[in-house]
């Protein structure tokens, strides 16, 4: 099988694929500093005569899939294959694999870093110091920037998938109490308490969002839930912006209904005027969608994708959860 890989892939993972499947054509999108567009991808598949594709951000449209008639599978090195026309692939009987959890550790570490920064007032303290405001004999900084510890707090996870569980496994040792809401998953670990969405918002000191985007979750977090939060609670969203009604979150922050927010995702990227109101608010710590941006994430996604392919094609495991379009099992296998 001739596999075209446009996702970043480390050398050991490339060699493992080559040994198991045959020819590897490695053309990572990063060499041109942007993802391949539809026509570029069509041309590349045709020139290389690829029989499979492992992508990350490229435009794998319905036209690409129609044109690439010989594709045996599509691997998407992302948690959500939003750049791939999955329905078109399913119609052609092409399995689509993804790499959920590739950035779980990265997001978890960023969560802790930013939560500590916000709770300890680190960034305003740094600005104060750089502004040369330290006067002889004064205790201004000690009093003005005194913050809080994570230890002893209640952390509520809205959605308890790979990222939520990775965060929970880290912050439990501060120690912190972990609550979670997830209608599709129940943990065997007694350290984590499953609760209703309303109870989570009412009782958590930190509410962290870890939801996928679908018809049920879009706009799920709004005034009704945010109004239940403690006045000194912190709202965190490193998942998807559209699951939160941003106007309701902004209202809560501007009217001192909650302590503040940590945001890594926005309704518009680049941000629009309302997004910037959140970003510029002094009680919001905002980052430009980089919670999952580590060099190690690329190693993780290559390893996860390789396991997917080995499990499916070598070991014959048809029940792996990383198969996005399980309908193809009825059509092709």
Protein backbone atom coordinates (compact mmCIF):
# COMPACT_ATOMS: atom_id res chain seq x y z
CA UNK A 1 0.00 0.00 0.00
CA UNK A 2 1.34 3.43 -0.96
CA UNK A 3 0.60 5.91 1.86
CA UNK A 4 0.81 9.69 1.37
CA UNK A 5 1.51 11.43 4.69
CA UNK A 6 0.98 15.18 4.83
CA UNK A 7 0.72 15.33 8.62
CA UNK A 8 3.90 15.92 10.65
CA UNK A 9 5.28 12.46 11.50
CA UNK A 10 8.39 11.47 13.41
CA UNK A 11 11.00 9.23 11.81
CA UNK A 12 10.40 6.16 13.97
CA UNK A 13 6.67 6.21 13.16
CA UNK A 14 7.41 6.60 9.44
CA UNK A 15 9.72 3.60 9.53
CA UNK A 16 7.13 1.50 11.37
CA UNK A 17 4.51 2.27 8.72
CA UNK A 18 6.93 1.55 5.90
CA UNK A 19 7.86 -1.80 7.40
CA UNK A 20 4.24 -2.85 7.79
CA UNK A 21 2.49 -1.31 4.79
CA UNK A 22 5.07 -0.65 2.08
CA UNK A 23 5.71 2.67 0.32
CA UNK A 24 5.59 5.94 2.25
CA UNK A 25 5.50 9.37 0.58
CA UNK A 26 6.16 12.04 3.18
CA UNK A 27 5.09 15.55 2.17
CA UNK A 28 4.23 17.38 5.43
CA UNK A 29 2.15 20.53 5.04
CA UNK A 30 4.54 22.40 7.33
CA UNK A 31 7.17 22.54 4.58
CA UNK A 32 4.99 25.11 2.79
CA UNK A 33 3.84 26.66 6.10
CA UNK A 34 0.14 26.10 5.38
CA UNK A 35 -2.23 23.21 4.80
CA UNK A 36 -2.74 21.83 1.29
CA UNK A 37 -5.86 23.19 -0.36
CA UNK A 38 -8.30 21.05 -2.31
CA UNK A 39 -6.59 21.25 -5.72
CA UNK A 40 -3.10 20.87 -4.31
CA UNK A 41 -4.14 17.74 -2.48
CA UNK A 42 -5.81 16.29 -5.58
CA UNK A 43 -2.66 16.93 -7.61
CA UNK A 44 -0.43 15.44 -4.93
CA UNK A 45 -2.50 12.27 -4.64
CA UNK A 46 -2.55 11.85 -8.41
CA UNK A 47 1.18 12.46 -8.87
CA UNK A 48 2.13 10.06 -6.08
CA UNK A 49 -0.60 7.53 -6.97
CA UNK A 50 -1.33 7.29 -3.26
CA UNK A 51 -3.60 4.52 -2.04
CA UNK A 52 -4.06 6.00 1.44
CA UNK A 53 -3.77 9.41 3.07
CA UNK A 54 -2.69 10.54 6.53
CA UNK A 55 -3.49 14.23 6.94
CA UNK A 56 -3.76 16.86 9.65
CA UNK A 57 -5.18 20.21 8.50
CA UNK A 58 -5.46 19.77 4.71
CA UNK A 59 -8.73 20.30 2.82
CA UNK A 60 -9.92 16.73 2.28
CA UNK A 61 -13.13 17.71 0.54
CA UNK A 62 -15.75 15.56 -1.18
CA UNK A 63 -14.09 16.43 -4.49
CA UNK A 64 -10.73 15.19 -3.23
CA UNK A 65 -12.34 11.93 -2.16
CA UNK A 66 -14.23 11.55 -5.45
CA UNK A 67 -11.07 12.18 -7.45
CA UNK A 68 -8.86 9.90 -5.35
CA UNK A 69 -10.69 6.74 -6.33
CA UNK A 70 -8.07 4.32 -4.94
CA UNK A 71 -7.90 5.54 -1.34
CA UNK A 72 -8.14 2.61 1.07
CA UNK A 73 -8.23 4.77 4.22
CA UNK A 74 -7.91 8.35 5.46
CA UNK A 75 -6.11 9.05 8.71
CA UNK A 76 -6.75 12.42 10.36
CA UNK A 77 -4.22 13.44 12.99
CA UNK A 78 -6.74 15.48 14.96
CA UNK A 79 -9.26 14.83 17.69
CA UNK A 80 -12.11 15.95 15.42
CA UNK A 81 -11.87 15.29 11.64
CA UNK A 82 -13.53 18.62 10.81
CA UNK A 83 -11.37 19.14 7.69
CA UNK A 84 -12.47 15.85 6.11
CA UNK A 85 -15.70 15.18 4.20
CA UNK A 86 -16.44 12.11 6.29
CA UNK A 87 -19.85 11.50 4.67
CA UNK A 88 -18.25 11.37 1.22
CA UNK A 89 -15.61 8.94 2.49
CA UNK A 90 -18.29 6.74 4.03
CA UNK A 91 -20.23 6.71 0.78
CA UNK A 92 -17.10 5.47 -0.99
CA UNK A 93 -16.49 2.85 1.70
CA UNK A 94 -13.29 4.55 2.91
CA UNK A 95 -12.53 4.19 6.64
CA UNK A 96 -11.59 7.43 8.40
CA UNK A 97 -9.42 7.23 11.52
CA UNK A 98 -8.70 10.05 13.98
CA UNK A 99 -6.38 10.61 16.94
CA UNK A 100 -8.41 11.65 19.99
CA UNK A 101 -6.31 12.42 23.06
CA UNK A 102 -3.24 13.47 21.03
CA UNK A 103 -3.19 16.82 22.87
CA UNK A 104 -4.62 15.73 26.24
CA UNK A 105 -1.36 16.20 28.16
CA UNK A 106 -0.63 19.53 26.47
CA UNK A 107 -4.08 20.93 27.27
CA UNK A 108 -3.92 19.62 30.83
CA UNK A 109 -0.58 21.31 31.50
CA UNK A 110 -1.82 24.58 29.99
CA UNK A 111 -4.95 24.34 32.14
CA UNK A 112 -2.85 24.12 35.29
CA UNK A 113 -0.42 26.84 34.20
CA UNK A 114 -3.17 29.33 33.37
CA UNK A 115 -5.26 28.46 36.40
CA UNK A 116 -2.28 29.10 38.67
CA UNK A 117 -1.56 32.36 36.81
CA UNK A 118 -5.11 33.62 37.22
CA UNK A 119 -5.57 32.50 40.80
CA UNK A 120 -2.20 33.90 41.89
CA UNK A 121 -2.50 37.16 39.91
CA UNK A 122 0.85 36.40 38.30
CA UNK A 123 0.52 38.43 35.08
CA UNK A 124 -0.62 41.70 36.71
CA UNK A 125 2.12 41.24 39.29
CA UNK A 126 4.71 40.90 36.53
CA UNK A 127 3.35 44.04 34.82
CA UNK A 128 3.51 45.90 38.15
CA UNK A 129 7.11 44.85 38.65
CA UNK A 130 8.14 45.73 35.10
CA UNK A 131 6.47 49.10 35.63
CA UNK A 132 9.02 49.79 38.40
CA UNK A 133 6.33 50.31 41.03
CA UNK A 134 8.29 48.68 43.87
CA UNK A 135 9.00 51.31 46.52
CA UNK A 136 11.39 50.94 49.41
CA UNK A 137 9.86 49.34 52.50
CA UNK A 138 6.44 48.85 50.86
CA UNK A 139 4.44 45.63 51.07
CA UNK A 140 2.18 46.68 48.21
CA UNK A 141 2.87 43.66 46.01
CA UNK A 142 2.38 41.17 48.85
CA UNK A 143 -1.02 42.62 49.64
CA UNK A 144 -2.20 43.62 46.17
CA UNK A 145 -1.40 40.37 44.39
CA UNK A 146 -2.18 37.84 47.09
CA UNK A 147 -4.06 34.98 45.47
CA UNK A 148 -5.41 31.49 46.05
CA UNK A 149 -4.17 27.92 45.89
CA UNK A 150 -5.66 25.12 43.80
CA UNK A 151 -5.39 22.80 46.80
CA UNK A 152 -8.73 22.30 48.50
CA UNK A 153 -10.77 23.63 45.59
CA UNK A 154 -13.52 21.80 43.72
CA UNK A 155 -12.84 21.41 39.99
CA UNK A 156 -15.84 20.64 37.78
CA UNK A 157 -15.33 19.00 34.37
CA UNK A 158 -18.12 19.46 31.83
CA UNK A 159 -17.35 16.46 29.64
CA UNK A 160 -15.02 13.78 30.93
CA UNK A 161 -13.15 12.47 27.92
CA UNK A 162 -9.40 12.16 27.50
CA UNK A 163 -8.58 15.81 28.24
CA UNK A 164 -10.88 16.07 31.26
CA UNK A 165 -9.53 12.84 32.72
CA UNK A 166 -5.92 13.88 32.16
CA UNK A 167 -6.53 17.19 33.95
CA UNK A 168 -8.35 15.39 36.76
CA UNK A 169 -5.49 12.96 37.22
CA UNK A 170 -3.09 15.87 37.69
CA UNK A 171 -5.11 18.26 39.86
CA UNK A 172 -6.42 15.54 42.19
CA UNK A 173 -2.95 15.43 43.72
CA UNK A 174 -2.86 19.11 44.74
CA UNK A 175 -5.25 17.85 46.23
CA UNK A 176 -8.52 19.02 44.71
CA UNK A 177 -11.99 17.50 44.60
CA UNK A 178 -13.09 16.45 41.10
CA UNK A 179 -16.69 16.62 39.90
CA UNK A 180 -17.72 15.72 36.37
CA UNK A 181 -20.73 15.75 34.11
CA UNK A 182 -20.80 13.33 31.20
CA UNK A 183 -23.97 11.53 30.08
CA UNK A 184 -21.96 9.01 28.04
CA UNK A 185 -19.26 8.00 30.51
CA UNK A 186 -19.00 6.87 34.12
CA UNK A 187 -15.60 6.59 35.76
CA UNK A 188 -14.63 3.59 37.88
CA UNK A 189 -12.42 5.84 39.99
CA UNK A 190 -14.16 6.73 43.25
CA UNK A 191 -12.06 9.89 43.50
CA UNK A 192 -14.21 11.41 40.76
CA UNK A 193 -17.85 12.22 41.50
CA UNK A 194 -20.42 12.21 38.70
CA UNK A 195 -23.04 14.94 39.15
CA UNK A 196 -25.72 16.79 37.23
CA UNK A 197 -24.79 19.79 35.12
CA UNK A 198 -26.63 22.09 37.52
CA UNK A 199 -24.89 20.71 40.61
CA UNK A 200 -21.52 21.03 38.93
CA UNK A 201 -22.04 24.73 38.15
CA UNK A 202 -23.43 25.42 41.63
CA UNK A 203 -20.68 23.76 43.65
CA UNK A 204 -17.45 24.05 41.65
CA UNK A 205 -14.77 26.64 42.29
CA UNK A 206 -13.53 26.07 38.76
CA UNK A 207 -15.79 25.02 35.87
CA UNK A 208 -13.86 23.63 32.91
CA UNK A 209 -15.47 22.89 29.55
CA UNK A 210 -14.46 19.78 27.58
CA UNK A 211 -17.30 19.26 25.13
CA UNK A 212 -17.34 18.35 21.45
CA UNK A 213 -19.47 20.35 19.03
CA UNK A 214 -22.77 18.77 18.01
CA UNK A 215 -26.46 19.64 17.95
CA UNK A 216 -26.82 18.90 21.66
CA UNK A 217 -23.82 20.89 22.86
CA UNK A 218 -23.88 24.01 20.65
CA UNK A 219 -24.87 26.92 22.90
CA UNK A 220 -25.44 24.53 25.83
CA UNK A 221 -23.58 26.71 28.33
CA UNK A 222 -25.52 29.94 28.76
CA UNK A 223 -27.06 32.30 31.28
CA UNK A 224 -29.06 29.60 33.06
CA UNK A 225 -25.97 27.62 34.01
CA UNK A 226 -23.48 30.47 34.36
CA UNK A 227 -25.84 32.24 36.78
CA UNK A 228 -25.55 29.22 39.10
CA UNK A 229 -21.80 29.68 39.54
CA UNK A 230 -20.25 30.93 42.74
CA UNK A 231 -19.31 34.60 42.75
CA UNK A 232 -15.65 33.68 43.19
CA UNK A 233 -15.68 30.83 40.65
CA UNK A 234 -13.53 30.67 37.52
CA UNK A 235 -14.80 29.58 34.10
CA UNK A 236 -12.39 27.76 31.76
CA UNK A 237 -12.89 26.87 28.11
CA UNK A 238 -10.11 25.15 26.17
CA UNK A 239 -12.53 23.05 24.08
CA UNK A 240 -14.82 24.75 21.54
CA UNK A 241 -16.17 28.30 21.72
CA UNK A 242 -19.60 27.60 20.22
CA UNK A 243 -20.70 25.42 23.13
CA UNK A 244 -20.74 28.60 25.25
CA UNK A 245 -23.01 31.61 24.72
CA UNK A 246 -20.29 34.24 24.82
CA UNK A 247 -22.66 37.16 25.49
CA UNK A 248 -23.84 35.44 28.67
CA UNK A 249 -20.27 34.77 29.79
CA UNK A 250 -19.26 38.36 29.06
CA UNK A 251 -22.27 39.65 31.02
CA UNK A 252 -21.31 37.53 34.03
CA UNK A 253 -17.73 38.80 33.98
CA UNK A 254 -18.58 42.46 33.39
CA UNK A 255 -21.14 42.42 36.21
CA UNK A 256 -18.90 40.67 38.74
CA UNK A 257 -21.10 37.59 38.85
CA UNK A 258 -18.01 35.33 38.65
CA UNK A 259 -14.36 35.85 39.43
CA UNK A 260 -13.10 35.52 35.88
CA UNK A 261 -12.39 33.25 32.95
CA UNK A 262 -9.59 31.42 31.18
CA UNK A 263 -10.24 31.17 27.43
CA UNK A 264 -8.27 29.58 24.62
CA UNK A 265 -11.03 29.44 21.99
CA UNK A 266 -13.28 32.10 20.49
CA UNK A 267 -16.36 32.28 18.30
CA UNK A 268 -14.33 33.97 15.59
CA UNK A 269 -10.66 33.29 14.92
CA UNK A 270 -9.37 35.90 14.29
CA UNK A 271 -11.57 37.48 16.99
CA UNK A 272 -14.37 39.96 16.38
CA UNK A 273 -15.41 42.88 18.57
CA UNK A 274 -17.26 40.82 21.17
CA UNK A 275 -14.43 38.29 21.38
CA UNK A 276 -12.03 41.15 22.02
CA UNK A 277 -14.22 42.44 24.84
CA UNK A 278 -13.60 39.12 26.57
CA UNK A 279 -9.93 39.03 25.63
CA UNK A 280 -9.20 42.53 26.93
CA UNK A 281 -11.13 42.19 30.18
CA UNK A 282 -8.72 42.37 33.15
CA UNK A 283 -10.24 39.28 34.77
CA UNK A 284 -9.87 37.13 31.66
CA UNK A 285 -6.70 35.25 30.83
CA UNK A 286 -6.91 34.64 27.09
CA UNK A 287 -4.58 32.67 24.83
CA UNK A 288 -4.76 32.34 21.00
CA UNK A 289 -5.92 28.70 20.68
CA UNK A 290 -2.57 27.24 21.74
CA UNK A 291 -3.57 24.90 24.59
CA UNK A 292 -2.75 21.91 22.40
CA UNK A 293 0.26 23.45 20.67
CA UNK A 294 3.30 21.45 21.76
CA UNK A 295 5.95 19.71 19.70
CA UNK A 296 5.16 16.51 21.55
CA UNK A 297 1.56 16.51 20.26
CA UNK A 298 2.89 15.66 16.79
CA UNK A 299 4.70 12.65 18.22
CA UNK A 300 1.55 11.59 20.06
CA UNK A 301 -0.66 11.78 16.98
CA UNK A 302 1.77 9.73 14.89
CA UNK A 303 1.91 7.01 17.55
CA UNK A 304 -1.87 6.96 17.98
CA UNK A 305 -2.46 6.80 14.23
CA UNK A 306 0.00 3.95 13.84
CA UNK A 307 -1.77 2.01 16.59
CA UNK A 308 -5.07 2.63 14.82
CA UNK A 309 -3.77 1.23 11.54
CA UNK A 310 -1.98 -1.74 13.10
CA UNK A 311 -5.04 -2.64 15.17
CA UNK A 312 -7.40 -2.37 12.22
CA UNK A 313 -5.38 -3.82 9.34
CA UNK A 314 -2.89 -6.14 11.03
CA UNK A 315 -4.79 -7.41 14.07
CA UNK A 316 -8.22 -7.19 12.44
CA UNK A 317 -9.76 -5.22 15.30
CA UNK A 318 -12.91 -3.64 13.89
CA UNK A 319 -14.17 -2.19 17.17
CA UNK A 320 -11.53 0.52 17.73
CA UNK A 321 -13.11 3.78 18.81
CA UNK A 322 -10.77 5.82 16.60
CA UNK A 323 -12.70 4.65 13.53
CA UNK A 324 -14.82 7.72 12.86
CA UNK A 325 -17.23 6.29 10.32
CA UNK A 326 -18.09 2.85 11.65
CA UNK A 327 -20.80 2.59 8.98
CA UNK A 328 -18.13 1.51 6.49
CA UNK A 329 -17.85 -1.81 8.30
CA UNK A 330 -21.19 -2.77 6.85
CA UNK A 331 -20.24 -1.53 3.40
CA UNK A 332 -16.73 -2.78 2.91
CA UNK A 333 -15.49 -5.25 5.45
